[in-house]
């Protein structure tokens, strides 16, 4: 999502990095807010789901550590582990 000028200022003031914002967008719960807007809430439940999924991702990354793809002309030709 694109940040408004106000949101850019607030993100700097409050230490919300682009990664932090992306994680809230990805794992947050969307609810209605006044004026037809939406609020994306990242509470305890959302935190627990995000931790679980990110732990699974870390395990997955460990499995493929040392892997390589051989590519040419935007095609994967082969893959292997070093």
C-alpha atoms as a PDB file:
ATOM      1  CA  UNK A   1       0.000   0.000   0.000  1.00  0.00           C
ATOM      2  CA  UNK A   2       1.056   3.562  -0.623  1.00  0.00           C
ATOM      3  CA  UNK A   3       1.653   5.819   2.388  1.00  0.00           C
ATOM      4  CA  UNK A   4       0.024   9.245   2.612  1.00  0.00           C
ATOM      5  CA  UNK A   5       2.243  12.186   3.610  1.00  0.00           C
ATOM      6  CA  UNK A   6       0.744  11.996   7.103  1.00  0.00           C
ATOM      7  CA  UNK A   7       1.482   8.244   7.334  1.00  0.00           C
ATOM      8  CA  UNK A   8       5.082   8.802   6.142  1.00  0.00           C
ATOM      9  CA  UNK A   9       5.644  11.328   8.934  1.00  0.00           C
ATOM     10  CA  UNK A  10       4.000   9.109  11.573  1.00  0.00           C
ATOM     11  CA  UNK A  11       5.928   6.015  10.436  1.00  0.00           C
ATOM     12  CA  UNK A  12       9.219   7.862  10.942  1.00  0.00           C
ATOM     13  CA  UNK A  13       8.119   9.306  14.300  1.00  0.00           C
ATOM     14  CA  UNK A  14       6.878   5.950  15.591  1.00  0.00           C
ATOM     15  CA  UNK A  15       9.590   3.701  14.153  1.00  0.00           C
ATOM     16  CA  UNK A  16       7.379   1.775  11.722  1.00  0.00           C
ATOM     17  CA  UNK A  17       9.791   0.433   9.084  1.00  0.00           C
ATOM     18  CA  UNK A  18       8.499  -0.729   5.699  1.00  0.00           C
ATOM     19  CA  UNK A  19       9.072  -4.344   6.819  1.00  0.00           C
ATOM     20  CA  UNK A  20       7.025  -3.734   9.964  1.00  0.00           C
ATOM     21  CA  UNK A  21       4.186  -2.249   7.907  1.00  0.00           C
ATOM     22  CA  UNK A  22       4.326  -5.169   5.445  1.00  0.00           C
ATOM     23  CA  UNK A  23       4.089  -7.701   8.276  1.00  0.00           C
ATOM     24  CA  UNK A  24       1.050  -5.919   9.749  1.00  0.00           C
ATOM     25  CA  UNK A  25      -0.574  -5.918   6.293  1.00  0.00           C
ATOM     26  CA  UNK A  26       0.247  -9.611   5.803  1.00  0.00           C
ATOM     27  CA  UNK A  27      -0.734 -10.992   9.217  1.00  0.00           C
ATOM     28  CA  UNK A  28      -3.087  -8.366  10.646  1.00  0.00           C
ATOM     29  CA  UNK A  29      -6.854  -8.682  11.039  1.00  0.00           C
ATOM     30  CA  UNK A  30      -8.903  -6.218   8.991  1.00  0.00           C
ATOM     31  CA  UNK A  31     -11.895  -4.533  10.640  1.00  0.00           C
ATOM     32  CA  UNK A  32     -14.080  -1.610   9.649  1.00  0.00           C
ATOM     33  CA  UNK A  33     -13.044   1.875  10.761  1.00  0.00           C
ATOM     34  CA  UNK A  34     -14.984   5.168  10.679  1.00  0.00           C
ATOM     35  CA  UNK A  35     -15.562   6.887   7.336  1.00  0.00           C
ATOM     36  CA  UNK A  36     -15.515   3.696   5.286  1.00  0.00           C
ATOM     37  CA  UNK A  37     -11.838   3.057   6.058  1.00  0.00           C
ATOM     38  CA  UNK A  38     -10.353  -0.243   7.237  1.00  0.00           C
ATOM     39  CA  UNK A  39      -8.145  -0.851  10.264  1.00  0.00           C
ATOM     40  CA  UNK A  40      -5.542  -3.614  10.155  1.00  0.00           C
ATOM     41  CA  UNK A  41      -5.037  -4.782  13.722  1.00  0.00           C
ATOM     42  CA  UNK A  42      -2.018  -6.822  14.851  1.00  0.00           C
ATOM     43  CA  UNK A  43      -2.779  -8.189  18.301  1.00  0.00           C
ATOM     44  CA  UNK A  44      -1.853 -11.264  20.309  1.00  0.00           C
ATOM     45  CA  UNK A  45      -3.663 -13.764  18.040  1.00  0.00           C
ATOM     46  CA  UNK A  46      -2.147 -12.250  14.911  1.00  0.00           C
ATOM     47  CA  UNK A  47       1.283 -12.222  16.563  1.00  0.00           C
ATOM     48  CA  UNK A  48       1.012 -15.932  17.401  1.00  0.00           C
ATOM     49  CA  UNK A  49      -0.047 -16.842  13.842  1.00  0.00           C
ATOM     50  CA  UNK A  50       2.780 -14.760  12.356  1.00  0.00           C
ATOM     51  CA  UNK A  51       5.357 -16.354  14.684  1.00  0.00           C
ATOM     52  CA  UNK A  52       4.155 -19.843  13.794  1.00  0.00           C
ATOM     53  CA  UNK A  53       4.277 -19.181  10.049  1.00  0.00           C
ATOM     54  CA  UNK A  54       7.640 -17.409  10.194  1.00  0.00           C
ATOM     55  CA  UNK A  55       9.146 -20.259  12.241  1.00  0.00           C
ATOM     56  CA  UNK A  56       7.973 -22.676   9.533  1.00  0.00           C
ATOM     57  CA  UNK A  57       9.577 -20.423   6.929  1.00  0.00           C
ATOM     58  CA  UNK A  58      12.888 -20.457   8.828  1.00  0.00           C
ATOM     59  CA  UNK A  59      12.814 -24.268   8.933  1.00  0.00           C
ATOM     60  CA  UNK A  60      12.097 -24.301   5.208  1.00  0.00           C
ATOM     61  CA  UNK A  61      15.006 -21.916   4.543  1.00  0.00           C
ATOM     62  CA  UNK A  62      17.363 -24.159   6.545  1.00  0.00           C
ATOM     63  CA  UNK A  63      16.449 -27.048   4.247  1.00  0.00           C
ATOM     64  CA  UNK A  64      17.497 -25.092   1.142  1.00  0.00           C
ATOM     65  CA  UNK A  65      20.629 -23.463   2.541  1.00  0.00           C
ATOM     66  CA  UNK A  66      23.430 -24.052   0.023  1.00  0.00           C
ATOM     67  CA  UNK A  67      21.121 -24.573  -2.951  1.00  0.00           C
ATOM     68  CA  UNK A  68      21.589 -23.118  -6.425  1.00  0.00           C
ATOM     69  CA  UNK A  69      19.559 -22.633  -9.595  1.00  0.00           C
ATOM     70  CA  UNK A  70      21.059 -22.543 -13.091  1.00  0.00           C
ATOM     71  CA  UNK A  71      19.054 -20.152 -15.279  1.00  0.00           C
ATOM     72  CA  UNK A  72      19.175 -18.900 -18.854  1.00  0.00           C
ATOM     73  CA  UNK A  73      16.751 -16.626 -20.705  1.00  0.00           C
ATOM     74  CA  UNK A  74      14.391 -16.526 -17.702  1.00  0.00           C
ATOM     75  CA  UNK A  75      14.160 -20.350 -17.631  1.00  0.00           C
ATOM     76  CA  UNK A  76      15.348 -22.593 -14.799  1.00  0.00           C
ATOM     77  CA  UNK A  77      17.539 -25.251 -16.390  1.00  0.00           C
ATOM     78  CA  UNK A  78      18.440 -27.242 -13.266  1.00  0.00           C
ATOM     79  CA  UNK A  79      18.929 -26.978  -9.526  1.00  0.00           C
ATOM     80  CA  UNK A  80      21.217 -28.596  -6.979  1.00  0.00           C
ATOM     81  CA  UNK A  81      22.592 -28.449  -3.466  1.00  0.00           C
ATOM     82  CA  UNK A  82      26.217 -27.519  -2.952  1.00  0.00           C
END
